């Protein structure tokens, strides 16, 4: 595949994956997650898991990398929601 196309995919992966970090930090620092929807985050994590499977099946490293990081963030947010409610 064209290197420029892969570079665009990698840049998109980094930006969209790391956008969850501020939410995780806020929840951890404040020790509260009242404004976070558990159902929405469970649905989101399920979708990301499916995108990860899709990325593995087609062998797209930007897709795989982005979804591994995003799934880790989503699962962390779910864990923080369960802990701090």
PDB file of N, CA and C in Angstrom:
ATOM      1  N   UNK A   1       0.845  -1.174   0.000  1.00  0.00           N
ATOM      2  CA  UNK A   1       0.000   0.000   0.000  1.00  0.00           C
ATOM      3  C   UNK A   1       0.891   1.238   0.000  1.00  0.00           C
ATOM      4  N   UNK A   2       0.394   2.310  -0.545  1.00  0.00           N
ATOM      5  CA  UNK A   2       1.115   3.562  -0.643  1.00  0.00           C
ATOM      6  C   UNK A   2       1.499   4.063   0.745  1.00  0.00           C
ATOM      7  N   UNK A   3       2.761   4.467   0.898  1.00  0.00           N
ATOM      8  CA  UNK A   3       3.272   4.932   2.187  1.00  0.00           C
ATOM      9  C   UNK A   3       2.498   6.142   2.696  1.00  0.00           C
ATOM     10  N   UNK A   4       2.135   7.078   1.802  1.00  0.00           N
ATOM     11  CA  UNK A   4       1.405   8.271   2.228  1.00  0.00           C
ATOM     12  C   UNK A   4       0.027   7.916   2.785  1.00  0.00           C
ATOM     13  N   UNK A   5      -0.606   6.930   2.205  1.00  0.00           N
ATOM     14  CA  UNK A   5      -1.913   6.489   2.699  1.00  0.00           C
ATOM     15  C   UNK A   5      -1.755   5.876   4.086  1.00  0.00           C
ATOM     16  N   UNK A   6      -0.745   5.043   4.279  1.00  0.00           N
ATOM     17  CA  UNK A   6      -0.486   4.437   5.586  1.00  0.00           C
ATOM     18  C   UNK A   6      -0.133   5.512   6.620  1.00  0.00           C
ATOM     19  N   UNK A   7       0.583   6.541   6.209  1.00  0.00           N
ATOM     20  CA  UNK A   7       0.946   7.631   7.114  1.00  0.00           C
ATOM     21  C   UNK A   7      -0.299   8.399   7.571  1.00  0.00           C
ATOM     22  N   UNK A   8      -1.212   8.638   6.657  1.00  0.00           N
ATOM     23  CA  UNK A   8      -2.472   9.298   7.019  1.00  0.00           C
ATOM     24  C   UNK A   8      -3.242   8.428   8.007  1.00  0.00           C
ATOM     25  N   UNK A   9      -3.306   7.132   7.738  1.00  0.00           N
ATOM     26  CA  UNK A   9      -3.987   6.207   8.647  1.00  0.00           C
ATOM     27  C   UNK A   9      -3.330   6.183  10.021  1.00  0.00           C
ATOM     28  N   UNK A  10      -2.018   6.204  10.048  1.00  0.00           N
ATOM     29  CA  UNK A  10      -1.302   6.189  11.321  1.00  0.00           C
ATOM     30  C   UNK A  10      -1.541   7.478  12.098  1.00  0.00           C
ATOM     31  N   UNK A  11      -1.531   8.610  11.417  1.00  0.00           N
ATOM     32  CA  UNK A  11      -1.791   9.893  12.088  1.00  0.00           C
ATOM     33  C   UNK A  11      -3.212   9.922  12.656  1.00  0.00           C
ATOM     34  N   UNK A  12      -4.177   9.459  11.877  1.00  0.00           N
ATOM     35  CA  UNK A  12      -5.563   9.398  12.362  1.00  0.00           C
ATOM     36  C   UNK A  12      -5.667   8.467  13.559  1.00  0.00           C
ATOM     37  N   UNK A  13      -4.961   7.369  13.517  1.00  0.00           N
ATOM     38  CA  UNK A  13      -4.986   6.405  14.616  1.00  0.00           C
ATOM     39  C   UNK A  13      -4.459   7.021  15.902  1.00  0.00           C
ATOM     40  N   UNK A  14      -3.355   7.733  15.824  1.00  0.00           N
ATOM     41  CA  UNK A  14      -2.765   8.347  17.015  1.00  0.00           C
ATOM     42  C   UNK A  14      -3.724   9.380  17.607  1.00  0.00           C
ATOM     43  N   UNK A  15      -4.264  10.244  16.757  1.00  0.00           N
ATOM     44  CA  UNK A  15      -5.137  11.312  17.242  1.00  0.00           C
ATOM     45  C   UNK A  15      -6.407  10.752  17.866  1.00  0.00           C
ATOM     46  N   UNK A  16      -7.074   9.836  17.177  1.00  0.00           N
ATOM     47  CA  UNK A  16      -8.344   9.325  17.707  1.00  0.00           C
ATOM     48  C   UNK A  16      -8.144   8.400  18.900  1.00  0.00           C
ATOM     49  N   UNK A  17      -7.024   7.731  18.965  1.00  0.00           N
ATOM     50  CA  UNK A  17      -6.775   6.836  20.096  1.00  0.00           C
ATOM     51  C   UNK A  17      -6.444   7.607  21.362  1.00  0.00           C
ATOM     52  N   UNK A  18      -5.652   8.642  21.231  1.00  0.00           N
ATOM     53  CA  UNK A  18      -5.216   9.382  22.405  1.00  0.00           C
ATOM     54  C   UNK A  18      -6.241  10.395  22.901  1.00  0.00           C
ATOM     55  N   UNK A  19      -7.309  10.604  22.164  1.00  0.00           N
ATOM     56  CA  UNK A  19      -8.321  11.569  22.613  1.00  0.00           C
ATOM     57  C   UNK A  19      -9.009  11.107  23.892  1.00  0.00           C
ATOM     58  N   UNK A  20      -8.910   9.837  24.236  1.00  0.00           N
ATOM     59  CA  UNK A  20      -9.554   9.306  25.445  1.00  0.00           C
ATOM     60  C   UNK A  20      -8.719   9.516  26.697  1.00  0.00           C
ATOM     61  N   UNK A  21      -7.455   9.820  26.539  1.00  0.00           N
ATOM     62  CA  UNK A  21      -6.564   9.973  27.689  1.00  0.00           C
ATOM     63  C   UNK A  21      -7.026  11.088  28.639  1.00  0.00           C
ATOM     64  N   UNK A  22      -7.410  12.274  28.153  1.00  0.00           N
ATOM     65  CA  UNK A  22      -7.874  13.299  29.099  1.00  0.00           C
ATOM     66  C   UNK A  22      -9.077  12.857  29.938  1.00  0.00           C
ATOM     67  N   UNK A  23      -9.992  12.100  29.345  1.00  0.00           N
ATOM     68  CA  UNK A  23     -11.151  11.606  30.096  1.00  0.00           C
ATOM     69  C   UNK A  23     -10.707  10.651  31.200  1.00  0.00           C
ATOM     70  N   UNK A  24      -9.784   9.768  30.887  1.00  0.00           N
ATOM     71  CA  UNK A  24      -9.279   8.830  31.895  1.00  0.00           C
ATOM     72  C   UNK A  24      -8.578   9.574  33.024  1.00  0.00           C
ATOM     73  N   UNK A  25      -7.751  10.540  32.674  1.00  0.00           N
ATOM     74  CA  UNK A  25      -7.015  11.311  33.684  1.00  0.00           C
ATOM     75  C   UNK A  25      -7.992  12.057  34.580  1.00  0.00           C
ATOM     76  N   UNK A  26      -9.003  12.691  33.987  1.00  0.00           N
ATOM     77  CA  UNK A  26     -10.000  13.438  34.765  1.00  0.00           C
ATOM     78  C   UNK A  26     -10.732  12.519  35.747  1.00  0.00           C
ATOM     79  N   UNK A  27     -11.159  11.362  35.273  1.00  0.00           N
ATOM     80  CA  UNK A  27     -11.877  10.425  36.130  1.00  0.00           C
ATOM     81  C   UNK A  27     -10.985   9.944  37.275  1.00  0.00           C
ATOM     82  N   UNK A  28      -9.722   9.663  36.966  1.00  0.00           N
ATOM     83  CA  UNK A  28      -8.804   9.165  37.980  1.00  0.00           C
ATOM     84  C   UNK A  28      -8.498  10.241  39.018  1.00  0.00           C
ATOM     85  N   UNK A  29      -8.228  11.454  38.565  1.00  0.00           N
ATOM     86  CA  UNK A  29      -7.899  12.553  39.489  1.00  0.00           C
ATOM     87  C   UNK A  29      -9.070  12.918  40.383  1.00  0.00           C
ATOM     88  N   UNK A  30     -10.264  13.007  39.798  1.00  0.00           N
ATOM     89  CA  UNK A  30     -11.436  13.435  40.554  1.00  0.00           C
ATOM     90  C   UNK A  30     -12.089  12.300  41.333  1.00  0.00           C
ATOM     91  N   UNK A  31     -11.708  11.070  41.022  1.00  0.00           N
ATOM     92  CA  UNK A  31     -12.269   9.894  41.681  1.00  0.00           C
ATOM     93  C   UNK A  31     -13.798   9.854  41.592  1.00  0.00           C
ATOM     94  N   UNK A  32     -14.299  10.292  40.447  1.00  0.00           N
ATOM     95  CA  UNK A  32     -15.747  10.221  40.231  1.00  0.00           C
ATOM     96  C   UNK A  32     -16.001  10.114  38.735  1.00  0.00           C
ATOM     97  N   UNK A  33     -17.093   9.425  38.401  1.00  0.00           N
ATOM     98  CA  UNK A  33     -17.432   9.182  37.006  1.00  0.00           C
ATOM     99  C   UNK A  33     -18.937   9.273  36.782  1.00  0.00           C
ATOM    100  N   UNK A  34     -19.583  10.101  37.560  1.00  0.00           N
ATOM    101  CA  UNK A  34     -21.048  10.187  37.490  1.00  0.00           C
ATOM    102  C   UNK A  34     -21.554  10.606  36.112  1.00  0.00           C
ATOM    103  N   UNK A  35     -20.812  11.438  35.407  1.00  0.00           N
ATOM    104  CA  UNK A  35     -21.266  11.926  34.113  1.00  0.00           C
ATOM    105  C   UNK A  35     -20.924  11.023  32.940  1.00  0.00           C
ATOM    106  N   UNK A  36     -20.376   9.862  33.211  1.00  0.00           N
ATOM    107  CA  UNK A  36     -19.947   8.954  32.148  1.00  0.00           C
ATOM    108  C   UNK A  36     -20.946   7.806  32.025  1.00  0.00           C
ATOM    109  N   UNK A  37     -21.385   7.541  30.810  1.00  0.00           N
ATOM    110  CA  UNK A  37     -22.358   6.478  30.567  1.00  0.00           C
ATOM    111  C   UNK A  37     -21.662   5.125  30.429  1.00  0.00           C
ATOM    112  N   UNK A  38     -22.007   4.198  31.312  1.00  0.00           N
ATOM    113  CA  UNK A  38     -21.445   2.851  31.245  1.00  0.00           C
ATOM    114  C   UNK A  38     -21.917   2.136  29.985  1.00  0.00           C
ATOM    115  N   UNK A  39     -23.209   2.246  29.674  1.00  0.00           N
ATOM    116  CA  UNK A  39     -23.754   1.542  28.503  1.00  0.00           C
ATOM    117  C   UNK A  39     -23.119   2.045  27.216  1.00  0.00           C
ATOM    118  N   UNK A  40     -22.969   3.354  27.099  1.00  0.00           N
ATOM    119  CA  UNK A  40     -22.355   3.917  25.891  1.00  0.00           C
ATOM    120  C   UNK A  40     -20.912   3.442  25.754  1.00  0.00           C
ATOM    121  N   UNK A  41     -20.179   3.412  26.852  1.00  0.00           N
ATOM    122  CA  UNK A  41     -18.788   2.977  26.785  1.00  0.00           C
ATOM    123  C   UNK A  41     -18.657   1.479  26.531  1.00  0.00           C
ATOM    124  N   UNK A  42     -19.589   0.679  27.046  1.00  0.00           N
ATOM    125  CA  UNK A  42     -19.593  -0.753  26.726  1.00  0.00           C
ATOM    126  C   UNK A  42     -19.875  -0.969  25.244  1.00  0.00           C
ATOM    127  N   UNK A  43     -20.825  -0.222  24.703  1.00  0.00           N
ATOM    128  CA  UNK A  43     -21.132  -0.328  23.269  1.00  0.00           C
ATOM    129  C   UNK A  43     -19.939   0.122  22.439  1.00  0.00           C
ATOM    130  N   UNK A  44     -19.317   1.216  22.851  1.00  0.00           N
ATOM    131  CA  UNK A  44     -18.143   1.725  22.135  1.00  0.00           C
ATOM    132  C   UNK A  44     -17.008   0.698  22.153  1.00  0.00           C
ATOM    133  N   UNK A  45     -16.733   0.124  23.324  1.00  0.00           N
ATOM    134  CA  UNK A  45     -15.664  -0.871  23.440  1.00  0.00           C
ATOM    135  C   UNK A  45     -15.954  -2.101  22.578  1.00  0.00           C
ATOM    136  N   UNK A  46     -17.213  -2.494  22.507  1.00  0.00           N
ATOM    137  CA  UNK A  46     -17.592  -3.634  21.658  1.00  0.00           C
ATOM    138  C   UNK A  46     -17.325  -3.318  20.191  1.00  0.00           C
ATOM    139  N   UNK A  47     -17.683  -2.122  19.782  1.00  0.00           N
ATOM    140  CA  UNK A  47     -17.429  -1.705  18.395  1.00  0.00           C
ATOM    141  C   UNK A  47     -15.948  -1.652  18.085  1.00  0.00           C
ATOM    142  N   UNK A  48     -15.175  -1.116  19.006  1.00  0.00           N
ATOM    143  CA  UNK A  48     -13.721  -1.038  18.812  1.00  0.00           C
ATOM    144  C   UNK A  48     -13.125  -2.442  18.735  1.00  0.00           C
ATOM    145  N   UNK A  49     -13.613  -3.357  19.560  1.00  0.00           N
ATOM    146  CA  UNK A  49     -13.125  -4.738  19.504  1.00  0.00           C
ATOM    147  C   UNK A  49     -13.396  -5.352  18.125  1.00  0.00           C
ATOM    148  N   UNK A  50     -14.556  -5.059  17.572  1.00  0.00           N
ATOM    149  CA  UNK A  50     -14.871  -5.564  16.229  1.00  0.00           C
ATOM    150  C   UNK A  50     -13.971  -4.926  15.170  1.00  0.00           C
ATOM    151  N   UNK A  51     -13.691  -3.617  15.303  1.00  0.00           N
ATOM    152  CA  UNK A  51     -12.763  -2.968  14.376  1.00  0.00           C
ATOM    153  C   UNK A  51     -11.375  -3.591  14.493  1.00  0.00           C
ATOM    154  N   UNK A  52     -10.988  -3.963  15.696  1.00  0.00           N
ATOM    155  CA  UNK A  52      -9.691  -4.610  15.900  1.00  0.00           C
ATOM    156  C   UNK A  52      -9.648  -5.950  15.172  1.00  0.00           C
ATOM    157  N   UNK A  53     -10.686  -6.740  15.305  1.00  0.00           N
ATOM    158  CA  UNK A  53     -10.758  -8.023  14.594  1.00  0.00           C
ATOM    159  C   UNK A  53     -10.693  -7.787  13.091  1.00  0.00           C
ATOM    160  N   UNK A  54     -11.432  -6.819  12.614  1.00  0.00           N
ATOM    161  CA  UNK A  54     -11.419  -6.479  11.186  1.00  0.00           C
ATOM    162  C   UNK A  54     -10.008  -6.083  10.733  1.00  0.00           C
ATOM    163  N   UNK A  55      -9.338  -5.245  11.530  1.00  0.00           N
ATOM    164  CA  UNK A  55      -7.978  -4.833  11.188  1.00  0.00           C
ATOM    165  C   UNK A  55      -7.022  -6.008  11.113  1.00  0.00           C
ATOM    166  N   UNK A  56      -7.177  -6.948  12.038  1.00  0.00           N
ATOM    167  CA  UNK A  56      -6.328  -8.156  12.018  1.00  0.00           C
ATOM    168  C   UNK A  56      -6.618  -8.973  10.763  1.00  0.00           C
ATOM    169  N   UNK A  57      -7.889  -9.126  10.436  1.00  0.00           N
ATOM    170  CA  UNK A  57      -8.259  -9.941   9.281  1.00  0.00           C
ATOM    171  C   UNK A  57      -7.757  -9.363   7.955  1.00  0.00           C
ATOM    172  N   UNK A  58      -7.714  -8.034   7.853  1.00  0.00           N
ATOM    173  CA  UNK A  58      -7.232  -7.437   6.598  1.00  0.00           C
ATOM    174  C   UNK A  58      -5.752  -7.066   6.674  1.00  0.00           C
ATOM    175  N   UNK A  59      -5.146  -7.211   7.860  1.00  0.00           N
ATOM    176  CA  UNK A  59      -3.717  -6.958   8.018  1.00  0.00           C
ATOM    177  C   UNK A  59      -3.337  -5.488   7.965  1.00  0.00           C
ATOM    178  N   UNK A  60      -4.184  -4.612   8.464  1.00  0.00           N
ATOM    179  CA  UNK A  60      -3.907  -3.174   8.452  1.00  0.00           C
ATOM    180  C   UNK A  60      -3.301  -2.751   9.788  1.00  0.00           C
ATOM    181  N   UNK A  61      -1.978  -2.491   9.786  1.00  0.00           N
ATOM    182  CA  UNK A  61      -1.301  -2.142  11.029  1.00  0.00           C
ATOM    183  C   UNK A  61      -1.817  -0.847  11.660  1.00  0.00           C
ATOM    184  N   UNK A  62      -2.108   0.218  10.887  1.00  0.00           N
ATOM    185  CA  UNK A  62      -2.675   1.407  11.535  1.00  0.00           C
ATOM    186  C   UNK A  62      -4.011   1.110  12.210  1.00  0.00           C
ATOM    187  N   UNK A  63      -4.831   0.311  11.569  1.00  0.00           N
ATOM    188  CA  UNK A  63      -6.133  -0.049  12.140  1.00  0.00           C
ATOM    189  C   UNK A  63      -5.961  -0.905  13.391  1.00  0.00           C
ATOM    190  N   UNK A  64      -5.046  -1.840  13.345  1.00  0.00           N
ATOM    191  CA  UNK A  64      -4.785  -2.705  14.496  1.00  0.00           C
ATOM    192  C   UNK A  64      -4.237  -1.878  15.662  1.00  0.00           C
ATOM    193  N   UNK A  65      -3.219  -1.082  15.396  1.00  0.00           N
ATOM    194  CA  UNK A  65      -2.602  -0.279  16.448  1.00  0.00           C
ATOM    195  C   UNK A  65      -3.576   0.687  17.088  1.00  0.00           C
ATOM    196  N   UNK A  66      -4.336   1.374  16.247  1.00  0.00           N
ATOM    197  CA  UNK A  66      -5.304   2.347  16.765  1.00  0.00           C
ATOM    198  C   UNK A  66      -6.330   1.671  17.653  1.00  0.00           C
ATOM    199  N   UNK A  67      -6.817   0.532  17.231  1.00  0.00           N
ATOM    200  CA  UNK A  67      -7.876  -0.122  17.985  1.00  0.00           C
ATOM    201  C   UNK A  67      -7.370  -0.832  19.232  1.00  0.00           C
ATOM    202  N   UNK A  68      -6.128  -1.255  19.253  1.00  0.00           N
ATOM    203  CA  UNK A  68      -5.549  -1.808  20.485  1.00  0.00           C
ATOM    204  C   UNK A  68      -5.472  -0.702  21.536  1.00  0.00           C
ATOM    205  N   UNK A  69      -4.954   0.455  21.145  1.00  0.00           N
ATOM    206  CA  UNK A  69      -4.823   1.570  22.083  1.00  0.00           C
ATOM    207  C   UNK A  69      -6.201   2.074  22.514  1.00  0.00           C
ATOM    208  N   UNK A  70      -7.103   2.245  21.547  1.00  0.00           N
ATOM    209  CA  UNK A  70      -8.436   2.748  21.859  1.00  0.00           C
ATOM    210  C   UNK A  70      -9.203   1.778  22.746  1.00  0.00           C
ATOM    211  N   UNK A  71      -9.084   0.485  22.497  1.00  0.00           N
ATOM    212  CA  UNK A  71      -9.760  -0.503  23.331  1.00  0.00           C
ATOM    213  C   UNK A  71      -9.197  -0.479  24.755  1.00  0.00           C
ATOM    214  N   UNK A  72      -7.892  -0.327  24.875  1.00  0.00           N
ATOM    215  CA  UNK A  72      -7.288  -0.230  26.215  1.00  0.00           C
ATOM    216  C   UNK A  72      -7.829   0.996  26.951  1.00  0.00           C
ATOM    217  N   UNK A  73      -7.943   2.110  26.252  1.00  0.00           N
ATOM    218  CA  UNK A  73      -8.503   3.321  26.873  1.00  0.00           C
ATOM    219  C   UNK A  73      -9.967   3.117  27.253  1.00  0.00           C
ATOM    220  N   UNK A  74     -10.747   2.550  26.350  1.00  0.00           N
ATOM    221  CA  UNK A  74     -12.171   2.333  26.619  1.00  0.00           C
ATOM    222  C   UNK A  74     -12.363   1.394  27.807  1.00  0.00           C
ATOM    223  N   UNK A  75     -11.582   0.336  27.868  1.00  0.00           N
ATOM    224  CA  UNK A  75     -11.691  -0.595  28.999  1.00  0.00           C
ATOM    225  C   UNK A  75     -11.248   0.063  30.302  1.00  0.00           C
ATOM    226  N   UNK A  76     -10.263   0.954  30.227  1.00  0.00           N
ATOM    227  CA  UNK A  76      -9.844   1.697  31.419  1.00  0.00           C
ATOM    228  C   UNK A  76     -10.959   2.614  31.894  1.00  0.00           C
ATOM    229  N   UNK A  77     -11.621   3.275  30.964  1.00  0.00           N
ATOM    230  CA  UNK A  77     -12.736   4.157  31.321  1.00  0.00           C
ATOM    231  C   UNK A  77     -13.868   3.345  31.941  1.00  0.00           C
ATOM    232  N   UNK A  78     -14.143   2.171  31.393  1.00  0.00           N
ATOM    233  CA  UNK A  78     -15.184   1.300  31.959  1.00  0.00           C
ATOM    234  C   UNK A  78     -14.798   0.880  33.383  1.00  0.00           C
ATOM    235  N   UNK A  79     -13.546   0.509  33.567  1.00  0.00           N
ATOM    236  CA  UNK A  79     -13.094   0.116  34.901  1.00  0.00           C
ATOM    237  C   UNK A  79     -13.200   1.282  35.884  1.00  0.00           C
ATOM    238  N   UNK A  80     -12.811   2.484  35.448  1.00  0.00           N
ATOM    239  CA  UNK A  80     -12.919   3.654  36.318  1.00  0.00           C
ATOM    240  C   UNK A  80     -14.383   3.970  36.617  1.00  0.00           C
ATOM    241  N   UNK A  81     -15.257   3.799  35.645  1.00  0.00           N
ATOM    242  CA  UNK A  81     -16.685   4.014  35.869  1.00  0.00           C
ATOM    243  C   UNK A  81     -17.219   3.022  36.900  1.00  0.00           C
ATOM    244  N   UNK A  82     -16.827   1.770  36.779  1.00  0.00           N
ATOM    245  CA  UNK A  82     -17.286   0.760  37.743  1.00  0.00           C
ATOM    246  C   UNK A  82     -16.734   1.031  39.138  1.00  0.00           C
ATOM    247  N   UNK A  83     -15.524   1.554  39.202  1.00  0.00           N
ATOM    248  CA  UNK A  83     -14.925   1.819  40.512  1.00  0.00           C
ATOM    249  C   UNK A  83     -15.460   3.090  41.147  1.00  0.00           C
ATOM    250  N   UNK A  84     -15.586   4.155  40.360  1.00  0.00           N
ATOM    251  CA  UNK A  84     -15.954   5.453  40.920  1.00  0.00           C
ATOM    252  C   UNK A  84     -17.404   5.853  40.631  1.00  0.00           C
ATOM    253  N   UNK A  85     -18.115   5.024  39.903  1.00  0.00           N
ATOM    254  CA  UNK A  85     -19.532   5.169  39.634  1.00  0.00           C
ATOM    255  C   UNK A  85     -19.980   6.462  39.134  1.00  0.00           C
TER     256      UNK A  85
END
